Structures are given as structure tokens and as C-alpha cells.
């Protein structure tokens, strides 16, 4: 019995811009002023979570599909982008 569905292909449904570079820099500066190195690390995590996102339609071998939204700098994005327009 297989617990994982096999991905056949993906399609991009939507893209969402992240926060601006200026806002990212402001987050880092404020984080540093408030809590030093730890503040910068938290600001960096915030910047990553508020980054660009892509929504994929994922089509599986059993003729089902799902939509998944991922950060563009994530491992999941790299995985789904490799199936883009596979036929």
C-alpha cells in the first residue's frame, strides 16, 4: 500500500509578492535595536515568512489534485517547480 501520491505535474495558479526590500531592512534594524542578535534572527524569520509565495495546482497520478501555497525560497517550491508543465 502506498501512502504517498505520485505527482504527475504542477501548474502555477497564483503568485504573491512579499514585503519590500525596504520593509525587510526596517525589520532587521528594529530587531537589532530591540534585542540585538536575537532580534535580527527573529526579524530574518519574519522576513522569510512574509516573502514571495506561489500557489501551485498539484495533479496526482490517481487523477486527484490539490492546491498548495509555498514560499518561493523553500524546498517545497523547488520540488513543485520541477513538475511544472510535465506531460
C-alpha atoms as a PDB file:
ATOM      1  CA  UNK A   1       0.000   0.000   0.000  1.00  0.00           C
ATOM      2  CA  UNK A   2       1.351   3.430  -0.979  1.00  0.00           C
ATOM      3  CA  UNK A   3       0.878   6.307   1.451  1.00  0.00           C
ATOM      4  CA  UNK A   4       2.232   8.952  -0.889  1.00  0.00           C
ATOM      5  CA  UNK A   5       0.536  10.153  -4.049  1.00  0.00           C
ATOM      6  CA  UNK A   6       2.742  10.420  -7.111  1.00  0.00           C
ATOM      7  CA  UNK A   7       2.868  13.909  -8.599  1.00  0.00           C
ATOM      8  CA  UNK A   8       2.322  13.988 -12.358  1.00  0.00           C
ATOM      9  CA  UNK A   9       2.596  17.730 -12.954  1.00  0.00           C
ATOM     10  CA  UNK A  10       2.027  21.153 -11.441  1.00  0.00           C
ATOM     11  CA  UNK A  11       0.625  24.427 -12.676  1.00  0.00           C
ATOM     12  CA  UNK A  12       1.115  27.878 -11.193  1.00  0.00           C
ATOM     13  CA  UNK A  13      -2.226  29.330 -10.140  1.00  0.00           C
ATOM     14  CA  UNK A  14      -1.113  32.487  -8.360  1.00  0.00           C
ATOM     15  CA  UNK A  15       1.946  34.403  -7.211  1.00  0.00           C
ATOM     16  CA  UNK A  16       2.041  36.820  -4.290  1.00  0.00           C
ATOM     17  CA  UNK A  17       4.735  39.427  -3.816  1.00  0.00           C
ATOM     18  CA  UNK A  18       6.406  39.568  -0.468  1.00  0.00           C
ATOM     19  CA  UNK A  19       7.225  42.598   1.605  1.00  0.00           C
ATOM     20  CA  UNK A  20       9.501  45.194   0.040  1.00  0.00           C
ATOM     21  CA  UNK A  21      13.271  45.223   0.468  1.00  0.00           C
ATOM     22  CA  UNK A  22      12.899  48.459   2.444  1.00  0.00           C
ATOM     23  CA  UNK A  23      10.484  46.782   4.868  1.00  0.00           C
ATOM     24  CA  UNK A  24      12.841  43.826   5.240  1.00  0.00           C
ATOM     25  CA  UNK A  25      15.699  46.178   6.114  1.00  0.00           C
ATOM     26  CA  UNK A  26      13.488  48.091   8.575  1.00  0.00           C
ATOM     27  CA  UNK A  27      12.584  44.803  10.288  1.00  0.00           C
ATOM     28  CA  UNK A  28      16.270  43.943  10.676  1.00  0.00           C
ATOM     29  CA  UNK A  29      17.176  47.384  12.056  1.00  0.00           C
ATOM     30  CA  UNK A  30      14.313  47.424  14.556  1.00  0.00           C
ATOM     31  CA  UNK A  31      15.031  43.825  15.568  1.00  0.00           C
ATOM     32  CA  UNK A  32      18.670  44.738  16.220  1.00  0.00           C
ATOM     33  CA  UNK A  33      17.734  47.827  18.217  1.00  0.00           C
ATOM     34  CA  UNK A  34      15.240  45.924  20.363  1.00  0.00           C
ATOM     35  CA  UNK A  35      17.068  42.670  21.033  1.00  0.00           C
ATOM     36  CA  UNK A  36      20.487  42.645  19.385  1.00  0.00           C
ATOM     37  CA  UNK A  37      21.462  39.441  17.596  1.00  0.00           C
ATOM     38  CA  UNK A  38      18.312  37.573  18.696  1.00  0.00           C
ATOM     39  CA  UNK A  39      16.171  40.408  17.348  1.00  0.00           C
ATOM     40  CA  UNK A  40      17.928  40.208  13.992  1.00  0.00           C
ATOM     41  CA  UNK A  41      17.334  36.458  13.875  1.00  0.00           C
ATOM     42  CA  UNK A  42      13.628  36.903  14.616  1.00  0.00           C
ATOM     43  CA  UNK A  43      13.370  39.679  12.020  1.00  0.00           C
ATOM     44  CA  UNK A  44      15.027  37.397   9.477  1.00  0.00           C
ATOM     45  CA  UNK A  45      12.456  34.672  10.200  1.00  0.00           C
ATOM     46  CA  UNK A  46       9.674  37.233   9.810  1.00  0.00           C
ATOM     47  CA  UNK A  47      11.129  38.442   6.507  1.00  0.00           C
ATOM     48  CA  UNK A  48      11.253  34.872   5.190  1.00  0.00           C
ATOM     49  CA  UNK A  49       7.675  34.131   6.212  1.00  0.00           C
ATOM     50  CA  UNK A  50       6.468  37.352   4.564  1.00  0.00           C
ATOM     51  CA  UNK A  51       8.414  36.688   1.354  1.00  0.00           C
ATOM     52  CA  UNK A  52       7.150  35.872  -2.112  1.00  0.00           C
ATOM     53  CA  UNK A  53       4.759  32.939  -2.348  1.00  0.00           C
ATOM     54  CA  UNK A  54       3.462  30.788  -5.198  1.00  0.00           C
ATOM     55  CA  UNK A  55       0.280  28.724  -5.302  1.00  0.00           C
ATOM     56  CA  UNK A  56       0.532  25.506  -7.291  1.00  0.00           C
ATOM     57  CA  UNK A  57      -2.173  23.212  -8.598  1.00  0.00           C
ATOM     58  CA  UNK A  58      -0.678  19.769  -7.980  1.00  0.00           C
ATOM     59  CA  UNK A  59      -2.047  16.948 -10.132  1.00  0.00           C
ATOM     60  CA  UNK A  60      -1.512  13.381  -8.944  1.00  0.00           C
ATOM     61  CA  UNK A  61      -1.416  10.040 -10.746  1.00  0.00           C
ATOM     62  CA  UNK A  62      -4.761   8.960  -9.252  1.00  0.00           C
ATOM     63  CA  UNK A  63      -6.491  11.876 -11.064  1.00  0.00           C
ATOM     64  CA  UNK A  64      -6.866  13.963  -7.907  1.00  0.00           C
ATOM     65  CA  UNK A  65      -5.451  17.420  -7.399  1.00  0.00           C
ATOM     66  CA  UNK A  66      -4.774  19.911  -4.643  1.00  0.00           C
ATOM     67  CA  UNK A  67      -3.641  23.498  -4.306  1.00  0.00           C
ATOM     68  CA  UNK A  68      -0.576  24.253  -2.254  1.00  0.00           C
ATOM     69  CA  UNK A  69       0.919  27.648  -1.410  1.00  0.00           C
ATOM     70  CA  UNK A  70       4.638  27.742  -0.608  1.00  0.00           C
ATOM     71  CA  UNK A  71       7.364  30.312  -0.002  1.00  0.00           C
ATOM     72  CA  UNK A  72       9.486  30.836  -3.108  1.00  0.00           C
ATOM     73  CA  UNK A  73      12.731  30.187  -1.246  1.00  0.00           C
ATOM     74  CA  UNK A  74      11.565  26.899   0.278  1.00  0.00           C
ATOM     75  CA  UNK A  75      12.430  23.297  -0.511  1.00  0.00           C
ATOM     76  CA  UNK A  76       8.765  22.679  -1.323  1.00  0.00           C
ATOM     77  CA  UNK A  77       8.901  25.381  -4.022  1.00  0.00           C
ATOM     78  CA  UNK A  78      11.953  23.747  -5.569  1.00  0.00           C
ATOM     79  CA  UNK A  79      10.124  20.403  -5.545  1.00  0.00           C
ATOM     80  CA  UNK A  80       6.892  21.644  -7.149  1.00  0.00           C
ATOM     81  CA  UNK A  81       8.635  23.812  -9.734  1.00  0.00           C
ATOM     82  CA  UNK A  82      10.384  20.726 -11.142  1.00  0.00           C
ATOM     83  CA  UNK A  83       6.969  19.262 -12.068  1.00  0.00           C
ATOM     84  CA  UNK A  84       5.822  22.450 -13.806  1.00  0.00           C
ATOM     85  CA  UNK A  85       4.218  21.629 -17.154  1.00  0.00           C
ATOM     86  CA  UNK A  86       5.294  17.991 -17.095  1.00  0.00           C
ATOM     87  CA  UNK A  87       3.292  15.977 -19.608  1.00  0.00           C
END
